[in-house]
Amino acid sequence: MVLIVFFEKDSIENICSCLTNTVDTVYLIGSNIKVMEPFANIYKKVLAGRGINVEFICKTSNRNNMTNILQVLSEIIEENEECMIDLTGGDDLFLTAAGIVFERYKERNLKLQRYNILTNSIIDADMDGVTMMTDEAPLLTVDENVKIYGGDIIYDKDRDNTTFHWDLNDEFKKDAKALWRICCKNTKLWNSQTTLLATVEKLAGNDDLLTVSVPMENVQSYLKVKGWRLHFSNSFFEELNNRGYITSFTIDEETFSVTYKNHQIKYCLMMAGQILEMKVFLSALEATDKDGTPTYNDAMNGVFIDWDGDIHPNHESYDTENEIDVILMHGLIPVFISCKNGIIEMEELYKLNTVAERFGGKYVKKVLVASSLDDSEPAQYIRQRARDIGIRIVEGHSKAGVHKRLTWLTDEEWNIIIRSLWLN
């Protein structure tokens, strides 16, 4: 089958029909060959990774010249016996031209279809009862989604302190959920103590060890330079110790020392927002629809994205990279999520908006999960600005608790919200 696609900046519109594994050759028609060809090579590699071998041929056409568009379409149709025109993308003039050639070449059994990205289904545009969807609707992974937009995910095998591979065994998931409940008791305390642990880790300079120990005077000196006060909560560390998340700790005038249960628990305690991120991530992994099928076919957290797909292992040259806390895939729809367990800077909204639209186009869903937004004027401004740029805010507590003690969402409330994120 030969597929004719009108090239769009939203990559999913260019590749969605190819994912059905019924296409041999794709003609990409657009106005700029220099833009189309690199993406054609990317699409070919992504499809090859699925065992789908497709040849991409790029054809240029003047998007404002109907005669030229008709000429390009006619040449392709006359050179190939079986053609399908994909109406998913394309300006009005391209779509009008498709209708004209459909009438002109009816005797050649020319077909028309349109892919509905939101429902992950094909619309039979020529009403002959035939579409390219022969098997189950295709599901895109987070990695594939980033790739088709020209980027790549930087994994920790490529460079340290990037996208981490979690071992999501039952014990760890149970531990992570318990740590979240500890965090919910007092978010400010959690943030201050995990920031303190991250400081000690930085001073120790070796993130491979489970036991981290530094002289207390080094900790004090570092905090003084930063303008921070040493605030150590003995009860916080005792609870972690009693529950086995840290197996020992010593904090006195001479030494700050702590031993973690394992590396994954240590990772959860190194950043204030990591446990909120893990809460969202695990909730997404466990979310199911009414029929019992998983709501999201893929999920990743702590995703480091290289914008141009050319990963520099050692930062040898300038490169554009961003980290997104959680990315989910519902069929072909990506959900980009930023998780904030404390103060939210306006810059975070702009970063989320920019990265999500760059690697998800018009179909992306943008979400800010904020556990500590209060009723102050800055918080209200954050809420309004998020609405203005299409970011949904999920707050970690019910409205009833805003003015008083925070009332945290129950697990069922979390699950209902997580299941709906791809619909916002």
Protein backbone atom coordinates (compact mmCIF):
# COMPACT_ATOMS: atom_id res chain seq x y z
CA MET A 1 0.00 0.00 0.00
CA VAL A 2 1.21 3.50 -0.92
CA LEU A 3 0.23 6.20 1.55
CA ILE A 4 0.14 9.91 0.70
CA VAL A 5 0.59 12.18 3.74
CA PHE A 6 0.46 15.96 3.89
CA PHE A 7 3.41 16.86 6.11
CA GLU A 8 2.56 18.59 9.40
CA LYS A 9 4.66 19.95 12.27
CA ASP A 10 2.75 17.59 14.59
CA SER A 11 4.72 14.45 13.89
CA ILE A 12 2.07 12.05 15.11
CA GLU A 13 -0.14 13.12 12.19
CA ASN A 14 2.61 12.12 9.77
CA ILE A 15 3.25 8.69 11.22
CA CYS A 16 -0.03 7.50 12.82
CA SER A 17 -1.29 5.51 9.81
CA CYS A 18 2.15 3.92 9.36
CA LEU A 19 1.87 2.39 12.84
CA THR A 20 -0.90 0.08 11.59
CA ASN A 21 1.78 -1.97 9.77
CA THR A 22 -0.10 -1.91 6.46
CA VAL A 23 2.02 0.62 4.55
CA ASP A 24 4.96 -0.08 2.25
CA THR A 25 5.72 3.41 0.94
CA VAL A 26 4.86 6.86 2.25
CA TYR A 27 4.95 10.01 0.16
CA LEU A 28 5.38 13.04 2.41
CA ILE A 29 4.12 16.15 0.62
CA GLY A 30 5.13 19.55 1.97
CA SER A 31 6.70 22.85 1.05
CA ASN A 32 10.17 22.43 2.57
CA ILE A 33 12.27 19.40 1.65
CA LYS A 34 15.01 20.36 4.13
CA VAL A 35 12.53 20.06 6.99
CA MET A 36 10.80 16.90 5.76
CA GLU A 37 13.81 14.71 4.98
CA PRO A 38 15.33 14.65 8.51
CA PHE A 39 11.93 13.74 9.96
CA ALA A 40 11.40 11.08 7.29
CA ASN A 41 14.65 9.44 8.44
CA ILE A 42 13.50 9.60 12.07
CA TYR A 43 10.13 8.05 11.25
CA LYS A 44 11.84 5.27 9.33
CA LYS A 45 14.08 4.43 12.31
CA VAL A 46 11.20 4.48 14.82
CA LEU A 47 9.11 2.19 12.63
CA ALA A 48 12.07 -0.10 12.01
CA GLY A 49 12.39 -0.44 15.78
CA ARG A 50 8.91 -1.98 15.67
CA GLY A 51 9.85 -4.29 12.81
CA ILE A 52 7.94 -2.15 10.30
CA ASN A 53 9.92 -1.37 7.15
CA VAL A 54 8.58 1.67 5.31
CA GLU A 55 10.15 3.69 2.52
CA PHE A 56 9.65 7.46 2.82
CA ILE A 57 9.72 9.67 -0.28
CA CYS A 58 9.54 13.44 0.16
CA LYS A 59 7.80 15.57 -2.48
CA THR A 60 7.66 19.35 -2.48
CA SER A 61 4.59 21.32 -3.47
CA ASN A 62 3.56 24.96 -3.36
CA ARG A 63 0.96 25.01 -0.60
CA ASN A 64 -0.68 28.09 -2.16
CA ASN A 65 -0.89 26.76 -5.72
CA MET A 66 -3.75 24.35 -6.43
CA THR A 67 -2.45 23.47 -9.89
CA ASN A 68 0.92 22.47 -8.47
CA ILE A 69 -0.63 20.39 -5.66
CA LEU A 70 -2.86 18.55 -8.15
CA GLN A 71 0.12 17.87 -10.39
CA VAL A 72 2.17 16.35 -7.54
CA LEU A 73 -0.74 14.19 -6.37
CA SER A 74 -1.58 13.05 -9.90
CA GLU A 75 2.00 11.97 -10.61
CA ILE A 76 2.09 9.82 -7.46
CA ILE A 77 -1.29 8.22 -8.16
CA GLU A 78 -0.45 7.47 -11.80
CA GLU A 79 2.87 5.87 -10.84
CA ASN A 80 1.38 3.53 -8.21
CA GLU A 81 -1.49 1.07 -8.52
CA GLU A 82 -2.88 1.21 -4.97
CA CYS A 83 -2.88 4.54 -3.13
CA MET A 84 -4.43 5.86 0.07
CA ILE A 85 -4.54 9.58 0.87
CA ASP A 86 -4.34 10.35 4.59
CA LEU A 87 -6.49 13.39 5.47
CA THR A 88 -5.25 13.62 9.06
CA GLY A 89 -3.09 16.68 8.38
CA GLY A 90 -2.86 19.28 5.65
CA ASP A 91 -4.05 22.81 4.92
CA ASP A 92 -7.45 23.42 3.34
CA LEU A 93 -5.97 23.65 -0.16
CA PHE A 94 -4.28 20.25 0.19
CA LEU A 95 -7.49 18.65 1.44
CA THR A 96 -9.50 20.22 -1.37
CA ALA A 97 -6.98 18.87 -3.86
CA ALA A 98 -7.36 15.42 -2.32
CA GLY A 99 -11.10 15.55 -2.99
CA ILE A 100 -10.52 16.59 -6.60
CA VAL A 101 -8.06 13.78 -7.38
CA PHE A 102 -10.32 11.29 -5.59
CA GLU A 103 -13.08 12.05 -8.10
CA ARG A 104 -10.61 12.21 -10.97
CA TYR A 105 -9.03 8.80 -10.27
CA LYS A 106 -11.98 6.76 -9.00
CA GLU A 107 -11.31 4.02 -11.52
CA ARG A 108 -7.89 3.45 -9.92
CA ASN A 109 -9.53 2.54 -6.60
CA LEU A 110 -8.02 5.52 -4.83
CA LYS A 111 -8.86 5.56 -1.11
CA LEU A 112 -9.27 8.28 1.51
CA GLN A 113 -9.00 7.98 5.28
CA ARG A 114 -8.43 10.16 8.32
CA TYR A 115 -6.86 9.14 11.61
CA ASN A 116 -8.55 10.30 14.81
CA ILE A 117 -5.65 10.71 17.25
CA LEU A 118 -7.90 11.25 20.29
CA THR A 119 -9.83 7.99 19.85
CA ASN A 120 -6.93 6.14 18.19
CA SER A 121 -9.15 5.06 15.33
CA ILE A 122 -9.46 5.50 11.57
CA ILE A 123 -12.31 7.30 9.84
CA ASP A 124 -13.32 5.79 6.49
CA ALA A 125 -13.44 9.05 4.49
CA ASP A 126 -14.39 7.45 1.15
CA MET A 127 -17.16 5.35 2.73
CA ASP A 128 -16.13 2.08 1.06
CA GLY A 129 -15.79 0.21 4.35
CA VAL A 130 -12.02 -0.30 3.95
CA THR A 131 -9.36 1.23 6.22
CA MET A 132 -5.75 0.48 7.11
CA MET A 133 -6.60 -0.58 10.67
CA THR A 134 -6.29 -4.35 10.49
CA ASP A 135 -5.16 -5.21 14.02
CA GLU A 136 -5.54 -3.51 17.39
CA ALA A 137 -4.98 0.24 17.47
CA PRO A 138 -1.26 1.07 17.81
CA LEU A 139 0.19 2.30 21.08
CA LEU A 140 3.14 4.68 21.16
CA THR A 141 5.80 4.51 23.89
CA VAL A 142 7.21 7.57 25.66
CA ASP A 143 10.58 6.97 24.00
CA GLU A 144 9.01 6.73 20.53
CA ASN A 145 6.95 9.85 21.11
CA VAL A 146 10.03 11.91 21.97
CA LYS A 147 11.92 10.50 18.98
CA ILE A 148 9.29 11.30 16.34
CA TYR A 149 9.51 14.97 17.34
CA GLY A 150 13.26 14.95 16.76
CA GLY A 151 14.48 14.50 20.32
CA ASP A 152 15.85 11.61 22.35
CA ILE A 153 15.76 10.48 25.97
CA ILE A 154 19.07 10.56 27.84
CA TYR A 155 19.33 7.43 29.99
CA ASP A 156 21.69 6.91 32.89
CA LYS A 157 23.63 4.42 30.76
CA ASP A 158 24.51 7.40 28.51
CA ARG A 159 25.31 9.85 31.29
CA ASP A 160 25.09 9.87 35.07
CA ASN A 161 22.22 11.60 36.86
CA THR A 162 19.78 11.39 33.96
CA THR A 163 16.76 9.13 33.30
CA PHE A 164 16.89 6.51 36.04
CA HIS A 165 15.75 2.91 35.56
CA TRP A 166 13.60 1.94 38.54
CA ASP A 167 13.19 -1.61 39.79
CA LEU A 168 9.48 -1.46 40.55
CA ASN A 169 9.29 -4.54 42.73
CA ASP A 170 6.43 -4.94 45.20
CA GLU A 171 8.57 -4.06 48.23
CA PHE A 172 9.80 -0.82 46.70
CA LYS A 173 6.30 0.24 45.63
CA LYS A 174 5.07 -0.39 49.16
CA ASP A 175 7.99 1.62 50.58
CA ALA A 176 7.43 4.51 48.17
CA LYS A 177 3.76 4.75 49.10
CA ALA A 178 4.67 4.74 52.80
CA LEU A 179 7.24 7.51 52.25
CA TRP A 180 4.54 9.56 50.54
CA ARG A 181 2.35 9.21 53.63
CA ILE A 182 5.23 10.46 55.77
CA CYS A 183 5.65 13.41 53.43
CA CYS A 184 1.93 14.25 53.70
CA LYS A 185 2.18 14.69 57.47
CA ASN A 186 4.28 17.83 57.07
CA THR A 187 5.37 18.84 53.59
CA LYS A 188 7.59 21.69 54.78
CA LEU A 189 9.42 19.39 57.19
CA TRP A 190 9.86 16.77 54.45
CA ASN A 191 11.28 19.37 52.08
CA SER A 192 13.72 20.77 54.63
CA GLN A 193 15.03 17.38 55.74
CA THR A 194 15.42 15.91 52.26
CA THR A 195 17.20 19.10 51.20
CA LEU A 196 19.54 18.57 54.14
CA LEU A 197 20.20 14.99 53.03
CA ALA A 198 20.91 16.20 49.49
CA THR A 199 23.40 18.71 50.90
CA VAL A 200 25.24 16.01 52.83
CA GLU A 201 25.30 13.82 49.73
CA LYS A 202 26.81 16.64 47.70
CA LEU A 203 29.51 17.24 50.30
CA ALA A 204 30.31 13.52 50.48
CA GLY A 205 30.79 13.42 46.72
CA ASN A 206 30.04 9.72 46.17
CA ASP A 207 26.50 8.76 45.22
CA ASP A 208 27.30 5.05 44.92
CA LEU A 209 27.51 4.48 48.68
CA LEU A 210 24.56 3.64 50.93
CA THR A 211 26.36 5.09 53.97
CA VAL A 212 27.02 8.80 53.64
CA SER A 213 29.13 10.52 56.29
CA VAL A 214 30.65 14.01 56.45
CA PRO A 215 32.06 16.19 59.24
CA MET A 216 29.38 18.39 60.77
CA GLU A 217 31.60 21.47 60.43
CA ASN A 218 31.54 20.97 56.63
CA VAL A 219 27.77 20.88 56.67
CA GLN A 220 27.59 24.01 58.81
CA SER A 221 30.04 25.89 56.60
CA TYR A 222 28.17 24.98 53.42
CA LEU A 223 24.81 26.03 54.84
CA LYS A 224 26.29 29.30 56.09
CA VAL A 225 27.58 30.15 52.61
CA LYS A 226 24.12 29.41 51.19
CA GLY A 227 22.46 31.49 53.86
CA TRP A 228 20.54 28.50 55.23
CA ARG A 229 20.05 27.49 58.85
CA LEU A 230 20.69 23.93 59.98
CA HIS A 231 17.31 22.55 60.89
CA PHE A 232 17.52 18.93 61.93
CA SER A 233 14.39 17.04 63.01
CA ASN A 234 15.28 14.09 65.20
CA SER A 235 11.70 12.78 65.03
CA PHE A 236 11.79 12.74 61.23
CA PHE A 237 14.96 10.66 61.12
CA GLU A 238 13.75 8.40 63.92
CA GLU A 239 10.60 7.59 61.94
CA LEU A 240 12.65 6.77 58.84
CA ASN A 241 14.90 4.62 61.00
CA ASN A 242 12.05 2.83 62.78
CA ARG A 243 10.43 1.99 59.46
CA GLY A 244 13.73 0.73 58.05
CA TYR A 245 14.16 3.32 55.27
CA ILE A 246 17.41 4.39 56.89
CA THR A 247 19.11 1.66 58.86
CA SER A 248 21.18 4.02 61.03
CA PHE A 249 21.97 7.70 61.51
CA THR A 250 24.32 9.80 63.59
CA ILE A 251 23.86 13.57 63.81
CA ASP A 252 25.92 15.31 66.45
CA GLU A 253 28.50 18.09 66.80
CA GLU A 254 31.13 16.09 64.96
CA THR A 255 29.40 13.95 62.34
CA PHE A 256 26.42 13.82 60.02
CA SER A 257 26.07 10.20 58.95
CA VAL A 258 23.16 8.23 57.50
CA THR A 259 22.81 4.73 56.02
CA TYR A 260 19.98 4.05 53.56
CA LYS A 261 18.01 0.83 53.09
CA ASN A 262 18.88 0.66 49.38
CA HIS A 263 19.78 2.91 46.45
CA GLN A 264 16.19 3.47 45.35
CA ILE A 265 15.10 4.62 48.80
CA LYS A 266 18.15 6.87 48.87
CA TYR A 267 17.16 8.34 45.51
CA CYS A 268 13.65 9.08 46.86
CA LEU A 269 15.17 10.97 49.79
CA MET A 270 17.65 13.02 47.77
CA MET A 271 15.15 15.50 46.27
CA ALA A 272 12.18 17.10 48.01
CA GLY A 273 9.82 16.51 45.08
CA GLN A 274 10.92 12.98 44.19
CA ILE A 275 8.35 11.27 46.38
CA LEU A 276 5.47 13.30 44.87
CA GLU A 277 6.78 12.39 41.44
CA MET A 278 6.86 8.73 42.47
CA LYS A 279 3.31 8.97 43.85
CA VAL A 280 2.04 10.26 40.50
CA PHE A 281 4.13 7.74 38.54
CA LEU A 282 2.95 4.71 40.52
CA SER A 283 -0.67 5.90 40.44
CA ALA A 284 -0.45 6.15 36.64
CA LEU A 285 1.05 2.68 36.35
CA GLU A 286 -1.77 1.22 38.44
CA ALA A 287 -4.62 3.20 36.84
CA THR A 288 -7.18 1.12 34.94
CA ASP A 289 -10.30 1.89 32.91
CA LYS A 290 -13.73 0.46 33.69
CA ASP A 291 -13.03 -2.62 31.58
CA GLY A 292 -9.85 -3.32 33.53
CA THR A 293 -7.38 -2.30 30.81
CA PRO A 294 -4.50 -0.01 31.86
CA THR A 295 -5.32 3.66 31.32
CA TYR A 296 -1.76 4.35 30.17
CA ASN A 297 0.18 2.03 27.92
CA ASP A 298 3.50 3.57 28.94
CA ALA A 299 4.83 5.76 31.74
CA MET A 300 8.22 7.16 32.67
CA ASN A 301 9.42 9.50 35.38
CA GLY A 302 12.45 11.74 35.70
CA VAL A 303 12.72 11.92 31.90
CA PHE A 304 15.74 13.84 30.55
CA ILE A 305 15.09 14.98 26.98
CA ASP A 306 17.75 16.05 24.49
CA TRP A 307 16.05 18.40 22.04
CA ASP A 308 17.91 17.56 18.85
CA GLY A 309 18.51 13.86 19.51
CA ASP A 310 22.30 14.33 19.47
CA ILE A 311 23.27 13.31 23.00
CA HIS A 312 26.55 14.67 24.35
CA PRO A 313 27.78 12.23 27.01
CA ASN A 314 30.03 14.69 28.80
CA HIS A 315 28.52 18.10 28.05
CA GLU A 316 31.34 18.69 25.60
CA SER A 317 29.30 21.33 23.76
CA TYR A 318 26.23 23.43 24.32
CA ASP A 319 23.03 21.42 24.06
CA THR A 320 19.37 21.99 24.89
CA GLU A 321 18.04 19.55 27.48
CA ASN A 322 15.10 19.48 29.86
CA GLU A 323 13.79 17.16 32.53
CA ILE A 324 10.09 16.34 32.75
CA ASP A 325 8.97 14.72 36.01
CA VAL A 326 6.44 12.28 34.51
CA ILE A 327 5.41 11.47 30.94
CA LEU A 328 2.46 9.18 30.21
CA MET A 329 1.12 7.75 26.96
CA HIS A 330 -2.56 6.99 26.40
CA GLY A 331 -2.54 5.41 22.96
CA LEU A 332 -1.02 8.18 20.84
CA ILE A 333 -1.68 11.00 23.30
CA PRO A 334 1.22 12.17 25.51
CA VAL A 335 0.70 13.64 28.98
CA PHE A 336 3.54 15.81 30.33
CA ILE A 337 3.47 16.32 34.09
CA SER A 338 5.46 18.61 36.38
CA CYS A 339 5.39 17.69 40.09
CA LYS A 340 6.03 20.38 42.69
CA ASN A 341 6.14 19.58 46.39
CA GLY A 342 6.90 23.13 47.54
CA ILE A 343 7.28 26.63 46.13
CA ILE A 344 6.36 27.00 42.45
CA GLU A 345 8.17 29.51 40.28
CA MET A 346 6.37 30.95 37.25
CA GLU A 347 9.29 29.74 35.14
CA GLU A 348 8.20 26.14 35.80
CA LEU A 349 4.92 26.76 34.00
CA TYR A 350 6.69 28.16 30.96
CA LYS A 351 9.19 25.29 30.89
CA LEU A 352 6.44 22.69 31.06
CA ASN A 353 4.45 24.46 28.37
CA THR A 354 7.42 24.82 26.02
CA VAL A 355 8.76 21.28 26.36
CA ALA A 356 5.33 19.63 26.21
CA GLU A 357 4.31 21.47 23.05
CA ARG A 358 7.69 20.80 21.44
CA PHE A 359 7.38 17.03 21.99
CA GLY A 360 3.62 16.57 21.90
CA GLY A 361 2.25 19.22 19.57
CA LYS A 362 -1.41 20.14 19.72
CA TYR A 363 -2.40 16.76 21.15
CA VAL A 364 -0.29 16.95 24.31
CA LYS A 365 -1.88 17.28 27.74
CA LYS A 366 -0.02 19.50 30.21
CA VAL A 367 -0.40 18.96 33.95
CA LEU A 368 1.07 20.57 37.07
CA VAL A 369 0.70 18.47 40.23
CA ALA A 370 1.17 20.83 43.17
CA SER A 371 0.98 19.48 46.69
CA SER A 372 1.35 22.75 48.58
CA LEU A 373 -0.51 25.52 46.76
CA ASP A 374 -2.27 27.68 49.33
CA ASP A 375 -4.80 30.50 48.99
CA SER A 376 -2.23 33.31 48.77
CA GLU A 377 -2.11 35.89 45.98
CA PRO A 378 1.01 34.37 44.31
CA ALA A 379 -0.67 30.94 44.33
CA GLN A 380 -3.81 32.37 42.73
CA TYR A 381 -1.67 33.97 40.06
CA ILE A 382 -0.04 30.59 39.37
CA ARG A 383 -3.49 29.04 38.98
CA GLN A 384 -4.67 31.72 36.57
CA ARG A 385 -1.51 31.67 34.45
CA ALA A 386 -1.73 27.88 34.21
CA ARG A 387 -5.30 28.14 32.92
CA ASP A 388 -4.23 30.78 30.39
CA ILE A 389 -1.63 28.51 28.78
CA GLY A 390 -3.64 25.30 28.97
CA ILE A 391 -2.00 23.63 31.96
CA ARG A 392 -4.25 21.63 34.25
CA ILE A 393 -3.41 21.95 37.94
CA VAL A 394 -3.90 18.95 40.21
CA GLU A 395 -3.68 19.99 43.84
CA GLY A 396 -2.59 17.49 46.44
CA HIS A 397 -5.28 18.48 48.90
CA SER A 398 -8.99 19.21 48.94
CA LYS A 399 -10.27 22.78 48.90
CA ALA A 400 -11.68 22.32 52.38
CA GLY A 401 -8.18 22.20 53.76
CA VAL A 402 -6.75 25.29 52.08
CA HIS A 403 -7.27 27.73 54.92
CA LYS A 404 -6.62 25.22 57.68
CA ARG A 405 -4.62 22.03 57.94
CA LEU A 406 -4.22 20.46 54.49
CA THR A 407 -6.59 17.58 53.83
CA TRP A 408 -4.77 15.24 51.50
CA LEU A 409 -6.44 13.45 48.63
CA THR A 410 -7.29 9.83 49.31
CA ASP A 411 -5.82 7.10 47.12
CA GLU A 412 -9.18 6.74 45.35
CA GLU A 413 -9.31 10.50 44.67
CA TRP A 414 -5.78 10.33 43.28
CA ASN A 415 -6.73 7.41 41.05
CA ILE A 416 -9.81 9.16 39.64
CA ILE A 417 -7.74 12.24 38.80
CA ILE A 418 -4.84 10.29 37.30
CA ARG A 419 -7.20 8.33 35.05
CA SER A 420 -8.58 11.58 33.65
CA LEU A 421 -5.32 13.39 32.85
CA TRP A 422 -5.31 12.42 29.16
CA LEU A 423 -8.79 13.92 28.77
CA ASN A 424 -8.13 17.44 30.10
